[in-house]
């Protein structure tokens, strides 16, 4: 199979690294930047293209779309028109999930929105524990804190995360919901806020918070802040059968049910030890799905549910009320400012 990688920033380079290791693939790169093309050629020995039309003339059967948020829609449309399987990195927008799924099904294409953390060992173990031990979910909470200016510090303003509409405090909401929703249920109604409390440069909000009513019953809370100098990514959930707590960074998972005399602790390895394994498994699952050997884990409509919750949170903040989630809604192209 011939696969065309679109973009070779941080994620695109990861994808190239994993794809070029497979002997059943021929991989090429399209990137307008000469330095990135040269780097990919030197590191992976792949064919490179400076013009998209030349890359398409090469005859790829699948695309891996690793361009910045807000730029992927044209490539998804291109893949659908040309009948190409396609993998899409996580984004704030889905570019029309219903139509993408309709065309993909009609043309028998694998259309694969990223769901990276679903491949993380501690997330897999948490999902199994929730289904097996916790009964009806009553509530869950997830809290994430990090320091955005430290992300790709050498890239300057060209890095998408340094722009308000694609800031990580906004982007990380659907990124987290993409793995939370399959475990706990998707939000049906949301109360949300996004504000600036720290000292991020410019006008970017650093903190988002969502309170959610869930499709399976119960409630969820999600809070993300980007001005904290210490990384933190932990959660807890409560059900009629017991409680579970987890730490994404350490890989720790603790479960206690009414049948347990003491909490059960397991460790699924620190994220730094399994991160690249997670990305490797994800992109290889896409390739195997495109080859007809397996099925993709994340329907496009499920990713749409995650970004629809962001859209509802934005409307909630603007109107000071709970907002029902429209499954087809997408966040505004420009993040609204509250009057």
Foldseek 3Di string as FASTA:
>chain_A
DEEEEEDCDPVSVLLLVLVLPDPVYQYEYEDLDPVRNVVCCVPRVHHYDNDPVVVVVVPGQAYEYDDAAPPCLVVLVVCLVVVHAYEYEQYLWLNFQVVSVVSCVVSVHHHHYDLLCCLQVLLVVVLVCLVPFFAQWAEKEKEWEAAQCVPPVVPPPVDQCLDQLGNCQLRVQLNVLSSVCVRRAFFFKKAKDFADDADRPDHHTFKIKIWGAGPRGHIYIYIYGHHDHDTFIKMKTHHPFWIWIAGQQFQWIWTDGPPDPDIDIDHRGGCVVCVSVSSSVQSVVSVCVRVVNDHHDGRSLSSLSSSLNSQQNLVNNQVVDMGGRDSNDGHDSGRDDHD
